[in-house]
């Protein structure tokens, strides 16, 4: 198949990863359709988006969401479907027989996806196959009292096993929590309904975060890339707002591929680690079993994951990709502004910052600093629509908040 002839349907148009995929594919002449639960979206505002589709919220109308995707695929003769978030992947996985017979669906099988998306199970598997993990305590049902005597030393991190859980018939997004005492831990479990589902309590690892990005075909890496996080939102740990491409780190890359090969992975994934400061050991944090937030950085540095995945799905093969620009930086401007405002108006204790975190003055100075290796993630001179859309959303949110 000529890789310019197909049509790709991309879900979750309000995700920056969706924007990166649209720009990647659309700039190469591949027709892209953006679907979202809002009439307009950041990816839909791109000049590279050929058409947009509105679907019901996947959070409370799974059947409606899947039905619109299926109808769109049929009407527009979609050749490839890219689910962009955990929830979209979850729904498409559960209904993949409705899609498989009409198009290519370049996602891992349901067993591998379910295992990779479960932090409790993936931590246990990693430990079994020799991939370092933080000291961990698994809580299956929220009954924390019986585990108090086994807790690692504070400060601790509490991670729900899944980034999304089903509560009272509706899907709910979960969060990672930091706690500094037994009282905080008990209060957290008493007041957070989704912690009735399985969770893991871990020692808090101090050190830089790195991610190994991979496109894998039948367990073999087709494309590899790595980055380090420089700033995040919230500052103690979350979405990266400034990140930098780095050479493939060892042994983290070997650990990542050991996991993905064991899972018999097909498709894209990002394996996240924190490099423990005191030992230099990369500790597994999680696997993102779909496209990731910093996708544009890999594309800018020379590894075009959306296009490679599309070609692999439609042609069955793609050249292996390893060479990319090291030191390229990508900045999500409005996310970085949020990071700055949090640092300026909240104390380190409120933000749960680790020791030796940069001061407010240094944070401000770093924010205004600029270098030629840094590119804007959303703002692009050849495609300004997405930034104008994002800026409008940001201003409206500020007005509403005030």
Protein backbone atom coordinates (compact mmCIF):
# COMPACT_ATOMS: atom_id res chain seq x y z
CA UNK A 1 0.00 0.00 0.00
CA UNK A 2 1.19 3.49 -0.78
CA UNK A 3 1.64 5.09 2.64
CA UNK A 4 0.20 8.37 1.33
CA UNK A 5 -3.15 6.84 0.30
CA UNK A 6 -4.82 5.98 3.59
CA UNK A 7 -7.01 7.75 6.12
CA UNK A 8 -6.21 7.74 9.83
CA UNK A 9 -8.78 8.37 12.56
CA UNK A 10 -7.17 9.88 15.68
CA UNK A 11 -9.15 9.97 18.93
CA UNK A 12 -8.89 12.38 21.84
CA UNK A 13 -8.34 15.55 19.84
CA UNK A 14 -7.73 17.61 22.99
CA UNK A 15 -4.50 15.72 23.74
CA UNK A 16 -1.18 17.20 22.66
CA UNK A 17 -0.12 13.72 21.56
CA UNK A 18 -3.05 13.77 19.11
CA UNK A 19 -1.81 17.09 17.75
CA UNK A 20 1.68 15.64 17.27
CA UNK A 21 0.25 12.66 15.38
CA UNK A 22 -1.93 14.89 13.17
CA UNK A 23 1.03 17.11 12.27
CA UNK A 24 3.24 14.11 11.59
CA UNK A 25 0.82 12.29 9.30
CA UNK A 26 -0.91 15.28 7.72
CA UNK A 27 2.38 16.89 6.69
CA UNK A 28 3.17 13.71 4.72
CA UNK A 29 -0.06 13.78 2.75
CA UNK A 30 -1.91 11.21 4.86
CA UNK A 31 -5.54 12.19 5.46
CA UNK A 32 -6.21 12.59 9.18
CA UNK A 33 -9.57 12.82 10.91
CA UNK A 34 -9.67 14.05 14.51
CA UNK A 35 -12.37 12.80 16.86
CA UNK A 36 -13.10 14.41 20.23
CA UNK A 37 -15.89 14.85 22.78
CA UNK A 38 -15.97 18.61 22.07
CA UNK A 39 -16.92 20.41 18.87
CA UNK A 40 -13.45 21.96 18.64
CA UNK A 41 -10.10 20.64 19.86
CA UNK A 42 -6.40 21.45 19.83
CA UNK A 43 -5.63 18.77 17.22
CA UNK A 44 -8.72 19.64 15.22
CA UNK A 45 -7.45 23.23 14.97
CA UNK A 46 -4.38 22.10 13.03
CA UNK A 47 -4.11 22.89 9.32
CA UNK A 48 -3.13 19.24 8.86
CA UNK A 49 -6.50 17.98 10.11
CA UNK A 50 -8.75 17.05 7.17
CA UNK A 51 -11.99 16.60 9.13
CA UNK A 52 -13.35 16.48 12.68
CA UNK A 53 -15.88 14.22 14.40
CA UNK A 54 -17.81 14.71 17.65
CA UNK A 55 -18.42 11.67 19.85
CA UNK A 56 -20.18 11.18 23.21
CA UNK A 57 -17.97 11.29 26.29
CA UNK A 58 -16.13 7.97 26.63
CA UNK A 59 -16.22 8.52 30.39
CA UNK A 60 -19.94 7.84 30.68
CA UNK A 61 -21.13 6.56 27.28
CA UNK A 62 -18.85 3.75 26.15
CA UNK A 63 -21.35 2.33 23.64
CA UNK A 64 -22.00 5.74 22.07
CA UNK A 65 -18.27 6.44 21.84
CA UNK A 66 -17.54 3.13 20.11
CA UNK A 67 -20.57 3.47 17.82
CA UNK A 68 -19.45 6.89 16.53
CA UNK A 69 -15.92 5.60 15.91
CA UNK A 70 -17.25 2.59 14.02
CA UNK A 71 -19.62 4.74 11.94
CA UNK A 72 -16.84 7.23 11.17
CA UNK A 73 -14.52 4.44 10.06
CA UNK A 74 -17.18 3.10 7.72
CA UNK A 75 -18.27 6.45 6.22
CA UNK A 76 -14.75 7.80 5.71
CA UNK A 77 -13.18 4.47 4.72
CA UNK A 78 -10.65 4.78 7.52
CA UNK A 79 -7.66 2.49 7.05
CA UNK A 80 -6.04 2.94 10.48
CA UNK A 81 -7.32 3.90 13.93
CA UNK A 82 -5.06 5.52 16.54
CA UNK A 83 -6.58 5.47 20.07
CA UNK A 84 -4.58 8.11 21.96
CA UNK A 85 -5.46 7.73 25.66
CA UNK A 86 -5.81 4.93 28.20
CA UNK A 87 -9.60 5.16 28.12
CA UNK A 88 -9.82 5.14 24.32
CA UNK A 89 -7.46 2.16 24.26
CA UNK A 90 -9.57 0.42 26.89
CA UNK A 91 -12.79 0.83 24.89
CA UNK A 92 -11.24 -0.07 21.54
CA UNK A 93 -9.59 -3.14 23.09
CA UNK A 94 -12.92 -4.34 24.48
CA UNK A 95 -14.62 -3.87 21.09
CA UNK A 96 -11.73 -4.54 18.75
CA UNK A 97 -13.64 -7.19 16.78
CA UNK A 98 -15.88 -4.36 15.58
CA UNK A 99 -12.84 -2.70 13.98
CA UNK A 100 -10.35 -5.45 13.14
CA UNK A 101 -12.16 -6.73 10.06
CA UNK A 102 -12.34 -3.34 8.32
CA UNK A 103 -8.98 -1.70 9.03
CA UNK A 104 -5.58 -2.07 10.65
CA UNK A 105 -5.56 -1.52 14.39
CA UNK A 106 -1.90 -1.06 15.43
CA UNK A 107 -2.29 -1.72 19.15
CA UNK A 108 -1.07 -4.52 21.45
CA UNK A 109 -3.28 -7.49 22.24
CA UNK A 110 -5.67 -7.09 25.15
CA UNK A 111 -3.75 -9.35 27.54
CA UNK A 112 -0.49 -7.44 27.07
CA UNK A 113 -2.22 -4.06 27.28
CA UNK A 114 -4.10 -4.97 30.47
CA UNK A 115 -0.94 -6.24 32.17
CA UNK A 116 1.19 -3.26 31.13
CA UNK A 117 -1.49 -0.81 32.34
CA UNK A 118 -1.67 -2.36 35.82
CA UNK A 119 1.06 -0.87 38.04
CA UNK A 120 0.70 -3.61 40.65
CA UNK A 121 1.06 -6.45 38.17
CA UNK A 122 3.79 -4.79 36.10
CA UNK A 123 5.87 -4.03 39.21
CA UNK A 124 5.60 -7.67 40.29
CA UNK A 125 6.53 -8.87 36.81
CA UNK A 126 9.47 -6.46 36.57
CA UNK A 127 10.83 -7.66 39.90
CA UNK A 128 10.54 -11.28 38.74
CA UNK A 129 12.55 -10.68 35.54
CA UNK A 130 15.27 -8.55 37.10
CA UNK A 131 14.10 -5.02 36.35
CA UNK A 132 14.69 -2.77 39.41
CA UNK A 133 11.57 -1.36 41.11
CA UNK A 134 11.13 0.78 44.22
CA UNK A 135 10.36 -0.99 47.50
CA UNK A 136 6.66 -1.68 47.07
CA UNK A 137 3.65 -2.77 49.10
CA UNK A 138 0.56 -3.96 47.23
CA UNK A 139 -2.87 -3.15 48.67
CA UNK A 140 -5.59 -5.15 46.88
CA UNK A 141 -8.78 -3.61 48.29
CA UNK A 142 -8.05 -0.38 50.18
CA UNK A 143 -7.80 -2.11 53.57
CA UNK A 144 -4.62 -0.29 54.58
CA UNK A 145 -4.67 -1.03 58.32
CA UNK A 146 -3.40 -4.58 57.94
CA UNK A 147 -0.33 -3.33 56.03
CA UNK A 148 0.84 -0.53 58.35
CA UNK A 149 3.58 -2.63 59.94
CA UNK A 150 5.06 -3.38 56.50
CA UNK A 151 5.30 0.17 55.14
CA UNK A 152 8.55 1.35 53.55
CA UNK A 153 10.09 4.44 55.12
CA UNK A 154 8.39 7.79 54.55
CA UNK A 155 8.02 9.79 52.34
CA UNK A 156 5.88 7.43 50.29
CA UNK A 157 4.07 7.48 46.96
CA UNK A 158 0.62 5.95 46.59
CA UNK A 159 -0.22 4.83 43.06
CA UNK A 160 -3.57 3.37 42.00
CA UNK A 161 -2.93 0.25 39.93
CA UNK A 162 -4.80 1.74 36.98
CA UNK A 163 -4.89 5.30 35.66
CA UNK A 164 -8.64 4.85 35.13
CA UNK A 165 -11.12 2.81 37.19
CA UNK A 166 -14.83 2.16 36.99
CA UNK A 167 -16.80 3.66 39.90
CA UNK A 168 -20.61 3.43 40.13
CA UNK A 169 -20.91 2.62 36.44
CA UNK A 170 -18.68 5.51 35.33
CA UNK A 171 -15.01 5.73 34.53
CA UNK A 172 -12.88 7.85 36.86
CA UNK A 173 -9.35 9.20 36.38
CA UNK A 174 -6.99 8.39 39.25
CA UNK A 175 -3.94 10.29 40.55
CA UNK A 176 -0.60 9.61 42.18
CA UNK A 177 -0.37 10.86 45.79
CA UNK A 178 2.55 11.77 48.07
CA UNK A 179 2.30 11.17 51.82
CA UNK A 180 4.70 11.98 54.66
CA UNK A 181 3.11 10.25 57.64
CA UNK A 182 0.84 7.42 58.73
CA UNK A 183 -1.94 9.91 59.51
CA UNK A 184 -1.77 11.30 55.96
CA UNK A 185 -1.79 7.79 54.54
CA UNK A 186 -4.84 6.72 56.55
CA UNK A 187 -6.70 9.91 55.68
CA UNK A 188 -5.92 9.43 51.99
CA UNK A 189 -7.31 5.89 51.91
CA UNK A 190 -10.40 6.91 53.90
CA UNK A 191 -11.29 9.82 51.62
CA UNK A 192 -10.34 8.52 48.14
CA UNK A 193 -12.95 6.13 46.72
CA UNK A 194 -10.81 4.78 43.87
CA UNK A 195 -8.24 3.50 46.40
CA UNK A 196 -10.74 0.75 47.20
CA UNK A 197 -9.36 -0.73 44.01
CA UNK A 198 -5.83 -2.25 43.94
CA UNK A 199 -2.97 0.17 44.57
CA UNK A 200 0.73 0.13 45.31
CA UNK A 201 2.60 2.05 48.03
CA UNK A 202 6.22 2.77 47.18
CA UNK A 203 9.24 4.51 48.57
CA UNK A 204 9.72 7.89 46.94
CA UNK A 205 12.69 7.74 44.58
CA UNK A 206 14.75 10.93 44.36
CA UNK A 207 16.38 11.54 41.01
CA UNK A 208 15.79 12.56 37.41
CA UNK A 209 13.04 10.98 35.35
CA UNK A 210 13.84 9.37 32.00
CA UNK A 211 11.60 7.74 29.44
CA UNK A 212 12.44 5.11 26.85
CA UNK A 213 10.09 5.33 23.85
CA UNK A 214 9.69 2.29 21.64
CA UNK A 215 7.87 1.02 18.59
CA UNK A 216 7.91 -2.75 18.77
CA UNK A 217 6.93 -5.32 16.14
CA UNK A 218 6.46 -8.89 17.36
CA UNK A 219 8.78 -8.23 20.28
CA UNK A 220 11.52 -6.62 18.16
CA UNK A 221 12.29 -2.89 18.52
CA UNK A 222 11.71 -0.96 15.31
CA UNK A 223 12.28 2.54 16.71
CA UNK A 224 13.83 3.69 19.99
CA UNK A 225 14.21 7.11 21.59
CA UNK A 226 14.84 8.51 25.07
CA UNK A 227 14.32 11.75 26.93
CA UNK A 228 14.82 13.23 30.37
CA UNK A 229 12.32 15.38 32.25
CA UNK A 230 13.52 18.85 33.23
CA UNK A 231 10.32 20.42 34.58
CA UNK A 232 6.93 18.92 35.35
CA UNK A 233 3.39 19.94 36.23
CA UNK A 234 2.76 19.64 39.13
CA UNK A 235 6.39 20.33 40.10
CA UNK A 236 6.73 17.27 42.37
CA UNK A 237 5.96 14.95 39.49
CA UNK A 238 3.42 14.74 36.72
CA UNK A 239 3.27 15.84 33.08
CA UNK A 240 6.60 17.01 31.69
CA UNK A 241 6.52 20.63 30.48
CA UNK A 242 10.20 20.87 29.50
CA UNK A 243 12.14 17.82 28.36
CA UNK A 244 15.28 16.96 26.45
CA UNK A 245 16.31 14.16 24.11
CA UNK A 246 19.16 12.04 25.45
CA UNK A 247 21.21 9.15 24.12
CA UNK A 248 19.61 5.79 24.82
CA UNK A 249 20.46 5.26 28.50
CA UNK A 250 21.85 2.01 29.77
CA UNK A 251 20.81 -0.15 31.48
CA UNK A 252 17.35 1.51 31.36
CA UNK A 253 16.90 0.76 27.64
CA UNK A 254 17.76 -2.90 28.17
CA UNK A 255 15.30 -3.06 31.06
CA UNK A 256 12.59 -1.45 28.94
CA UNK A 257 13.08 -3.92 26.11
CA UNK A 258 13.21 -6.84 28.55
CA UNK A 259 9.77 -5.85 29.77
CA UNK A 260 8.26 -5.24 26.34
CA UNK A 261 9.68 -8.45 24.91
CA UNK A 262 8.34 -10.41 27.87
CA UNK A 263 4.94 -8.85 27.21
CA UNK A 264 5.21 -9.83 23.51
CA UNK A 265 4.45 -6.23 22.70
CA UNK A 266 3.20 -4.88 19.40
CA UNK A 267 2.88 -1.13 18.87
CA UNK A 268 4.16 1.89 20.76
CA UNK A 269 4.94 2.29 24.45
CA UNK A 270 6.92 4.52 26.79
CA UNK A 271 8.67 2.93 29.74
CA UNK A 272 9.36 5.45 32.52
CA UNK A 273 12.18 5.27 35.07
CA UNK A 274 13.62 7.43 37.82
CA UNK A 275 17.38 7.27 38.22
CA UNK A 276 17.98 6.89 41.95
CA UNK A 277 20.42 9.62 42.98
CA UNK A 278 22.27 7.62 45.61
CA UNK A 279 22.90 4.52 43.45
CA UNK A 280 22.42 5.52 39.81
CA UNK A 281 20.03 2.60 39.39
CA UNK A 282 17.04 3.17 37.04
CA UNK A 283 13.87 2.33 38.95
CA UNK A 284 10.77 1.45 36.96
CA UNK A 285 7.89 3.89 37.42
CA UNK A 286 5.31 2.73 34.87
CA UNK A 287 4.58 1.79 31.28
CA UNK A 288 2.48 4.12 29.13
CA UNK A 289 0.82 1.59 26.84
CA UNK A 290 -0.07 4.12 24.11
CA UNK A 291 1.25 7.37 22.65
CA UNK A 292 2.69 9.70 25.30
CA UNK A 293 2.52 13.42 26.06
CA UNK A 294 6.05 14.26 24.84
CA UNK A 295 5.56 12.60 21.46
CA UNK A 296 6.43 15.81 19.58
CA UNK A 297 9.94 15.81 21.04
CA UNK A 298 10.77 12.47 19.44
CA UNK A 299 9.42 13.68 16.10
CA UNK A 300 11.44 16.92 16.29
CA UNK A 301 14.57 14.98 17.17
CA UNK A 302 14.20 12.64 14.19
CA UNK A 303 12.16 9.60 15.30
CA UNK A 304 8.68 9.97 13.79
CA UNK A 305 6.71 7.39 15.77
CA UNK A 306 3.23 8.12 14.31
CA UNK A 307 4.45 7.79 10.73
CA UNK A 308 6.51 4.70 11.53
CA UNK A 309 3.52 3.08 13.27
CA UNK A 310 1.29 3.95 10.31
CA UNK A 311 3.69 2.43 7.81
CA UNK A 312 4.17 -0.66 9.93
CA UNK A 313 0.39 -1.08 10.18
CA UNK A 314 -0.35 -0.53 6.49
CA UNK A 315 2.77 -1.91 4.80
CA UNK A 316 3.90 -4.50 7.34
CA UNK A 317 7.44 -3.19 7.54
CA UNK A 318 9.44 -0.06 8.25
CA UNK A 319 13.15 0.72 8.44
CA UNK A 320 14.63 0.55 11.92
CA UNK A 321 15.19 3.95 13.49
CA UNK A 322 17.86 4.67 16.12
CA UNK A 323 19.60 7.89 15.07
CA UNK A 324 18.24 11.17 16.41
CA UNK A 325 19.39 14.58 17.64
CA UNK A 326 20.56 14.47 21.26
CA UNK A 327 20.06 17.67 23.26
CA UNK A 328 16.89 18.78 21.49
CA UNK A 329 14.47 20.37 23.96
CA UNK A 330 10.70 20.71 23.76
CA UNK A 331 8.72 23.17 25.86
CA UNK A 332 4.98 23.16 26.48
CA UNK A 333 4.69 26.90 27.14
CA UNK A 334 1.35 27.09 28.95
CA UNK A 335 2.13 24.00 31.00
CA UNK A 336 5.45 25.57 31.95
CA UNK A 337 3.59 28.75 32.93
CA UNK A 338 1.41 26.63 35.24
CA UNK A 339 4.58 25.17 36.77
CA UNK A 340 5.91 28.69 37.42
CA UNK A 341 2.65 29.91 38.98
CA UNK A 342 2.50 26.87 41.28
CA UNK A 343 6.05 27.53 42.45
CA UNK A 344 5.40 31.25 43.02
CA UNK A 345 2.12 30.92 44.90
CA UNK A 346 2.49 27.65 46.83
CA UNK A 347 5.00 26.61 49.45
CA UNK A 348 7.35 23.64 48.94
CA UNK A 349 5.37 21.73 51.58
CA UNK A 350 2.10 22.35 49.77
CA UNK A 351 3.64 21.12 46.53
CA UNK A 352 5.34 18.11 48.21
CA UNK A 353 8.67 19.12 46.71
CA UNK A 354 11.74 16.97 47.38
CA UNK A 355 14.80 18.44 49.13
CA UNK A 356 17.09 20.72 47.08
CA UNK A 357 14.35 21.56 44.57
CA UNK A 358 15.18 24.81 42.68
CA UNK A 359 14.17 27.99 44.52
CA UNK A 360 11.41 30.31 43.36
CA UNK A 361 13.94 32.81 42.03
CA UNK A 362 15.78 30.13 40.05
CA UNK A 363 12.46 28.79 38.76
CA UNK A 364 11.58 32.27 37.50
CA UNK A 365 15.01 32.73 35.92
CA UNK A 366 14.79 29.33 34.24
CA UNK A 367 11.34 30.16 32.90
CA UNK A 368 12.54 33.24 31.01
CA UNK A 369 15.68 31.50 29.72
CA UNK A 370 15.76 30.49 26.06
CA UNK A 371 18.16 28.63 23.77
CA UNK A 372 18.20 27.51 20.16
CA UNK A 373 17.89 23.84 21.06
CA UNK A 374 14.42 24.45 22.52
CA UNK A 375 11.28 24.30 20.40
CA UNK A 376 7.71 25.12 21.30
CA UNK A 377 5.48 22.09 21.50
CA UNK A 378 2.16 23.63 20.44
CA UNK A 379 3.17 27.00 18.91
CA UNK A 380 4.44 26.47 15.36
CA UNK A 381 4.79 29.24 12.78
CA UNK A 382 3.48 27.00 9.98
CA UNK A 383 0.50 25.82 12.05
CA UNK A 384 -0.60 28.53 14.53
CA UNK A 385 -4.20 27.38 14.95
CA UNK A 386 -3.61 24.89 17.79
CA UNK A 387 -1.78 27.45 19.96
CA UNK A 388 -4.46 30.08 19.39
CA UNK A 389 -7.07 27.51 20.39
CA UNK A 390 -5.08 26.45 23.48
CA UNK A 391 -4.46 30.06 24.50
CA UNK A 392 -8.16 30.85 24.25
CA UNK A 393 -9.00 27.85 26.43
CA UNK A 394 -6.35 28.88 28.95
CA UNK A 395 -7.59 32.48 29.20
CA UNK A 396 -11.20 31.35 29.59
CA UNK A 397 -10.14 29.00 32.40
CA UNK A 398 -8.30 31.83 34.17
CA UNK A 399 -11.34 34.10 33.92
CA UNK A 400 -13.61 31.38 35.23
CA UNK A 401 -11.21 30.62 38.10
CA UNK A 402 -10.93 34.27 39.11
